[in-house]
N, C-alpha and C. Protein backbone atom coordinates (compact mmCIF):
# COMPACT_ATOMS: atom_id res chain seq x y z
N MET A 1 9.76 -6.40 4.96
CA MET A 1 11.07 -5.48 6.20
C MET A 1 10.92 -6.56 6.63
N LEU A 2 12.26 -7.37 7.37
CA LEU A 2 12.23 -8.10 8.28
C LEU A 2 12.77 -7.62 9.68
N ASP A 3 12.90 -7.66 10.89
CA ASP A 3 13.61 -7.13 12.12
C ASP A 3 14.28 -8.08 12.82
N ASN A 4 15.07 -7.83 13.57
CA ASN A 4 16.08 -8.77 14.17
C ASN A 4 15.22 -8.94 15.75
N PHE A 5 13.92 -9.11 15.87
CA PHE A 5 13.61 -9.18 16.95
C PHE A 5 11.92 -9.38 16.73
N PRO A 6 11.22 -10.19 18.13
CA PRO A 6 10.13 -10.35 17.74
C PRO A 6 9.32 -9.65 17.84
N GLY A 7 8.20 -9.74 17.22
CA GLY A 7 6.92 -8.99 16.83
C GLY A 7 5.87 -9.47 16.15
N PHE A 8 5.12 -8.51 15.93
CA PHE A 8 3.89 -8.93 14.88
C PHE A 8 3.78 -7.67 13.53
N SER A 9 3.18 -7.88 12.90
CA SER A 9 3.14 -7.23 11.24
C SER A 9 1.34 -7.04 11.43
N ILE A 10 0.74 -6.02 10.69
CA ILE A 10 -0.40 -5.76 10.29
C ILE A 10 -0.28 -5.25 8.88
N GLY A 11 -0.64 -6.13 7.73
CA GLY A 11 -0.34 -5.32 6.46
C GLY A 11 -1.75 -4.77 6.10
N VAL A 12 -1.73 -3.79 5.11
CA VAL A 12 -2.66 -3.02 4.69
C VAL A 12 -2.71 -3.05 3.23
N VAL A 13 -3.92 -3.82 2.52
CA VAL A 13 -3.99 -3.99 0.88
C VAL A 13 -5.30 -3.32 0.53
N HIS A 14 -5.16 -2.57 -0.67
CA HIS A 14 -6.02 -2.05 -1.16
C HIS A 14 -6.00 -2.81 -2.38
N GLN A 15 -7.25 -3.25 -2.21
CA GLN A 15 -7.65 -4.77 -3.49
C GLN A 15 -8.30 -3.83 -4.80
N GLN A 16 -8.94 -2.78 -4.94
CA GLN A 16 -9.51 -1.84 -5.98
C GLN A 16 -8.89 -0.65 -6.04
N PRO A 17 -7.78 -0.65 -6.59
CA PRO A 17 -7.22 0.60 -6.55
C PRO A 17 -7.67 1.46 -8.00
N GLY A 18 -7.88 2.93 -7.70
CA GLY A 18 -8.47 3.66 -8.65
C GLY A 18 -7.31 3.98 -9.61
N SER A 19 -6.11 4.33 -9.37
CA SER A 19 -5.00 4.68 -10.07
C SER A 19 -4.76 3.41 -11.05
N ARG A 20 -4.22 4.07 -12.20
CA ARG A 20 -3.99 3.14 -13.49
C ARG A 20 -2.74 3.80 -14.30
N GLY A 21 -2.10 2.73 -14.26
CA GLY A 21 -0.49 2.98 -15.08
C GLY A 21 -1.01 2.63 -16.58
N SER A 22 0.35 2.40 -17.17
CA SER A 22 -0.03 1.90 -18.65
C SER A 22 1.46 1.31 -19.01
N ILE A 23 1.64 0.69 -20.11
CA ILE A 23 2.75 -0.17 -20.54
C ILE A 23 2.79 0.55 -22.22
N HIS A 24 3.96 1.08 -22.65
CA HIS A 24 3.77 1.55 -23.75
C HIS A 24 5.26 0.46 -24.64
N ILE A 25 4.77 0.40 -26.16
CA ILE A 25 5.80 -0.74 -26.84
C ILE A 25 7.06 0.68 -27.09
N ARG A 26 8.16 0.69 -27.25
CA ARG A 26 9.41 1.26 -27.31
C ARG A 26 9.83 1.06 -28.73
N SER A 27 9.84 -0.07 -29.49
CA SER A 27 10.65 -0.47 -30.27
C SER A 27 9.73 -1.59 -31.04
N ASN A 28 10.06 -1.87 -32.40
CA ASN A 28 10.01 -2.83 -32.92
C ASN A 28 10.62 -4.06 -32.92
N ASP A 29 11.30 -4.11 -32.13
CA ASP A 29 12.29 -5.29 -31.35
C ASP A 29 11.52 -5.82 -30.56
N PRO A 30 11.28 -7.01 -30.26
CA PRO A 30 10.50 -7.63 -29.31
C PRO A 30 11.40 -8.03 -27.99
N PHE A 31 12.54 -7.80 -28.21
CA PHE A 31 13.55 -7.93 -26.97
C PHE A 31 13.61 -6.76 -26.28
N THR A 32 13.31 -5.69 -26.55
CA THR A 32 13.29 -4.48 -26.13
C THR A 32 12.19 -4.13 -25.26
N ALA A 33 12.67 -4.21 -23.94
CA ALA A 33 11.90 -3.66 -22.49
C ALA A 33 10.68 -2.24 -23.01
N PRO A 34 9.47 -2.52 -22.81
CA PRO A 34 8.47 -1.80 -22.89
C PRO A 34 8.76 -0.57 -21.76
N GLU A 35 8.11 0.42 -22.14
CA GLU A 35 8.18 1.63 -20.97
C GLU A 35 6.78 1.53 -19.94
N ILE A 36 7.22 1.43 -18.80
CA ILE A 36 6.15 1.18 -18.00
C ILE A 36 6.19 2.51 -17.16
N ARG A 37 4.60 2.99 -17.07
CA ARG A 37 4.26 4.24 -16.23
C ARG A 37 3.38 3.25 -14.87
N ALA A 38 3.73 3.25 -13.89
CA ALA A 38 3.05 2.41 -12.75
C ALA A 38 2.00 3.56 -12.17
N ASN A 39 2.48 4.82 -12.08
CA ASN A 39 1.54 5.76 -11.26
C ASN A 39 0.77 5.19 -10.16
N TYR A 40 1.72 4.55 -9.20
CA TYR A 40 1.24 4.26 -8.31
C TYR A 40 0.46 5.14 -7.23
N LEU A 41 -0.41 4.90 -6.55
CA LEU A 41 -1.30 5.90 -5.80
C LEU A 41 -1.50 7.67 -6.42
N SER A 42 -1.80 7.65 -7.86
CA SER A 42 -1.96 8.84 -8.61
C SER A 42 -3.35 9.14 -8.36
N ALA A 43 -4.26 8.48 -7.93
CA ALA A 43 -5.40 8.21 -7.59
C ALA A 43 -5.94 9.35 -6.09
N ASP A 44 -6.38 10.09 -5.55
CA ASP A 44 -6.33 10.36 -4.23
C ASP A 44 -7.14 9.38 -3.54
N GLU A 45 -8.44 8.59 -4.39
CA GLU A 45 -9.12 7.60 -3.41
C GLU A 45 -8.28 6.65 -2.98
N ASP A 46 -7.05 6.64 -3.35
CA ASP A 46 -5.92 5.26 -2.89
C ASP A 46 -5.27 5.27 -1.74
N VAL A 47 -4.78 6.65 -1.77
CA VAL A 47 -4.24 7.32 -0.53
C VAL A 47 -5.10 7.35 0.25
N GLN A 48 -6.26 7.47 0.44
CA GLN A 48 -7.32 7.65 1.60
C GLN A 48 -7.65 6.40 1.96
N ALA A 49 -7.44 5.56 1.06
CA ALA A 49 -8.01 4.20 1.51
C ALA A 49 -6.89 3.39 2.39
N PHE A 50 -5.79 3.79 2.00
CA PHE A 50 -4.35 3.59 3.02
C PHE A 50 -4.46 4.06 4.02
N ILE A 51 -4.74 5.42 4.15
CA ILE A 51 -4.61 6.24 5.40
C ILE A 51 -5.83 5.63 6.41
N ARG A 52 -7.17 5.07 5.83
CA ARG A 52 -8.04 4.47 6.59
C ARG A 52 -7.57 3.44 7.36
N GLY A 53 -6.79 2.38 6.00
CA GLY A 53 -6.56 1.17 6.69
C GLY A 53 -5.41 0.96 7.79
N LEU A 54 -4.45 1.96 7.70
CA LEU A 54 -3.38 2.36 8.71
C LEU A 54 -3.97 2.54 10.03
N ARG A 55 -4.73 3.31 9.79
CA ARG A 55 -5.46 3.69 11.18
C ARG A 55 -6.34 2.61 11.75
N LEU A 56 -7.19 2.08 10.94
CA LEU A 56 -7.58 0.62 11.47
C LEU A 56 -6.53 -0.10 11.83
N ALA A 57 -5.42 -0.31 11.66
CA ALA A 57 -4.67 -1.17 11.95
C ALA A 57 -3.71 -1.16 13.48
N ARG A 58 -3.84 0.16 13.27
CA ARG A 58 -3.22 0.77 14.63
C ARG A 58 -4.53 0.62 15.39
N LYS A 59 -5.48 0.74 15.31
CA LYS A 59 -6.88 0.60 16.54
C LYS A 59 -7.08 -1.05 16.82
N VAL A 60 -6.90 -1.54 16.13
CA VAL A 60 -6.75 -3.00 16.29
C VAL A 60 -5.58 -3.61 17.10
N SER A 61 -4.40 -3.11 16.62
CA SER A 61 -3.36 -3.52 17.38
C SER A 61 -3.14 -3.02 18.93
N ARG A 62 -3.84 -2.04 19.05
CA ARG A 62 -4.08 -1.58 20.56
C ARG A 62 -5.35 -1.81 21.37
N GLN A 63 -5.95 -3.20 20.90
CA GLN A 63 -7.06 -3.82 21.36
C GLN A 63 -6.59 -4.82 22.72
N PRO A 64 -7.20 -4.97 23.65
CA PRO A 64 -6.22 -5.39 25.07
C PRO A 64 -6.20 -6.98 24.55
N ALA A 65 -6.73 -7.79 23.52
CA ALA A 65 -5.76 -9.01 23.02
C ALA A 65 -4.34 -8.87 22.54
N PHE A 66 -4.21 -7.75 22.10
CA PHE A 66 -2.59 -7.61 21.55
C PHE A 66 -1.72 -7.08 22.88
N ALA A 67 -2.18 -6.61 24.02
CA ALA A 67 -1.61 -5.80 24.68
C ALA A 67 -0.37 -6.61 25.28
N PRO A 68 -0.17 -8.24 25.31
CA PRO A 68 0.59 -9.03 25.77
C PRO A 68 1.82 -8.78 24.78
N TYR A 69 1.56 -8.67 23.69
CA TYR A 69 2.25 -8.74 22.55
C TYR A 69 2.77 -7.12 21.93
N PHE A 70 2.15 -6.30 22.27
CA PHE A 70 2.25 -4.93 21.72
C PHE A 70 3.29 -4.36 22.90
N VAL A 71 4.37 -3.79 22.45
CA VAL A 71 5.89 -3.00 22.96
C VAL A 71 5.45 -1.72 22.69
N ARG A 72 5.92 -1.66 21.43
CA ARG A 72 5.73 -0.33 20.80
C ARG A 72 5.21 -0.16 19.14
N GLU A 73 4.96 0.88 18.38
CA GLU A 73 4.86 0.85 17.04
C GLU A 73 5.76 1.33 16.31
N LEU A 74 6.71 0.54 15.28
CA LEU A 74 7.63 1.15 14.72
C LEU A 74 7.33 1.88 13.44
N ARG A 75 6.25 1.18 12.02
CA ARG A 75 6.22 1.63 11.49
C ARG A 75 4.58 1.78 10.80
N PRO A 76 4.27 2.96 10.92
CA PRO A 76 4.50 4.03 10.77
C PRO A 76 5.14 5.25 11.97
N GLY A 77 4.86 4.37 12.92
CA GLY A 77 5.42 5.14 14.06
C GLY A 77 4.40 6.35 14.94
N PRO A 78 4.72 6.34 16.23
CA PRO A 78 3.69 7.17 16.76
C PRO A 78 3.37 8.48 16.60
N GLN A 79 4.51 9.01 15.93
CA GLN A 79 4.36 10.45 15.66
C GLN A 79 3.71 10.64 14.34
N VAL A 80 3.35 9.53 13.57
CA VAL A 80 2.32 9.90 12.33
C VAL A 80 0.98 9.53 12.84
N GLU A 81 0.75 11.23 13.02
CA GLU A 81 -0.90 10.92 13.45
C GLU A 81 -1.44 11.95 12.15
N SER A 82 -1.23 12.44 11.27
CA SER A 82 -2.32 13.47 10.55
C SER A 82 -2.00 13.23 9.16
N ASP A 83 -3.17 13.17 8.64
CA ASP A 83 -3.21 12.50 7.03
C ASP A 83 -2.55 13.12 6.59
N GLU A 84 -1.56 14.08 6.46
CA GLU A 84 -0.64 14.72 5.78
C GLU A 84 0.63 13.57 6.20
N ALA A 85 0.79 13.50 7.20
CA ALA A 85 2.00 12.66 7.53
C ALA A 85 1.94 11.07 7.54
N PHE A 86 0.41 10.58 7.30
CA PHE A 86 0.18 9.24 6.85
C PHE A 86 0.46 9.03 5.28
N GLU A 87 0.14 10.25 4.65
CA GLU A 87 0.63 10.45 3.24
C GLU A 87 1.85 10.15 3.01
N GLU A 88 2.47 10.81 3.51
CA GLU A 88 4.11 10.91 3.12
C GLU A 88 4.66 9.46 3.56
N TYR A 89 4.27 9.12 4.64
CA TYR A 89 4.40 7.55 4.77
C TYR A 89 4.07 6.70 3.68
N ILE A 90 2.98 6.75 3.13
CA ILE A 90 2.18 5.91 2.26
C ILE A 90 3.12 6.09 1.06
N ARG A 91 3.44 7.40 0.75
CA ARG A 91 4.26 7.59 -0.25
C ARG A 91 5.83 7.07 -0.76
N GLY A 92 6.13 6.91 0.51
CA GLY A 92 7.45 6.49 0.84
C GLY A 92 7.53 4.90 0.64
N THR A 93 6.62 4.25 0.76
CA THR A 93 6.89 3.27 1.39
C THR A 93 5.69 1.87 0.42
N ILE A 94 4.67 2.44 0.10
CA ILE A 94 3.69 1.34 -0.45
C ILE A 94 3.25 1.33 -1.92
N PHE A 95 3.26 0.37 -2.45
CA PHE A 95 2.81 0.19 -3.96
C PHE A 95 2.01 -0.67 -4.09
N LEU A 96 0.92 -0.36 -5.16
CA LEU A 96 0.33 -1.21 -5.58
C LEU A 96 0.50 -2.52 -6.24
N LEU A 97 -0.10 -3.55 -6.08
CA LEU A 97 -0.15 -4.73 -6.73
C LEU A 97 -0.96 -5.16 -7.52
N VAL A 98 -1.01 -4.67 -8.83
CA VAL A 98 -2.39 -5.22 -9.53
C VAL A 98 -1.81 -5.86 -10.82
N SER A 99 -2.82 -6.40 -11.52
CA SER A 99 -2.52 -7.33 -12.66
C SER A 99 -2.71 -6.25 -13.68
N SER A 100 -2.03 -6.59 -15.07
CA SER A 100 -2.65 -6.13 -16.52
C SER A 100 -3.57 -6.49 -17.15
N GLY A 101 -4.32 -7.12 -16.98
CA GLY A 101 -5.16 -7.63 -17.39
C GLY A 101 -6.80 -7.14 -16.91
N ARG A 102 -7.78 -7.01 -17.97
CA ARG A 102 -8.97 -6.38 -17.40
C ARG A 102 -9.75 -7.80 -16.81
N HIS A 103 -10.55 -7.82 -16.09
CA HIS A 103 -11.36 -8.65 -15.25
C HIS A 103 -12.60 -9.28 -16.01
N PRO A 104 -13.00 -9.85 -16.35
CA PRO A 104 -14.11 -10.10 -16.99
C PRO A 104 -15.44 -9.39 -16.64
N ALA A 105 -16.21 -9.23 -17.35
CA ALA A 105 -17.24 -8.32 -17.16
C ALA A 105 -18.16 -8.70 -15.77
N ALA A 106 -18.26 -10.28 -15.72
CA ALA A 106 -19.30 -11.00 -14.91
C ALA A 106 -18.60 -10.79 -13.49
N TRP A 107 -17.12 -10.32 -13.19
CA TRP A 107 -16.45 -9.74 -11.92
C TRP A 107 -17.01 -8.63 -11.68
N GLU A 108 -17.34 -7.56 -12.49
CA GLU A 108 -17.23 -6.34 -12.15
C GLU A 108 -18.84 -6.05 -11.36
């Protein structure tokens, strides 16, 4: 999301989500799109990881080194303080980017 004024962003990314989706074949026709069930944020551990990440990003942005650049927080906004409010924000804005293939055992 781009704003029409200067600012900075700190992104939070969860690299090892516990949520698992699935892809299902719907037809013998290879041109028929599969059914995709993303199941984003279905694992509570993913939600908690994003809450911790957003709290850390907020803490970093309020350090003295950022003071000359920090005017106000726009997203999620200073009104978001409780875990419940963070979860509501996360569920409305964040999705997980993951691959569809299993990593080799040597990477695990």
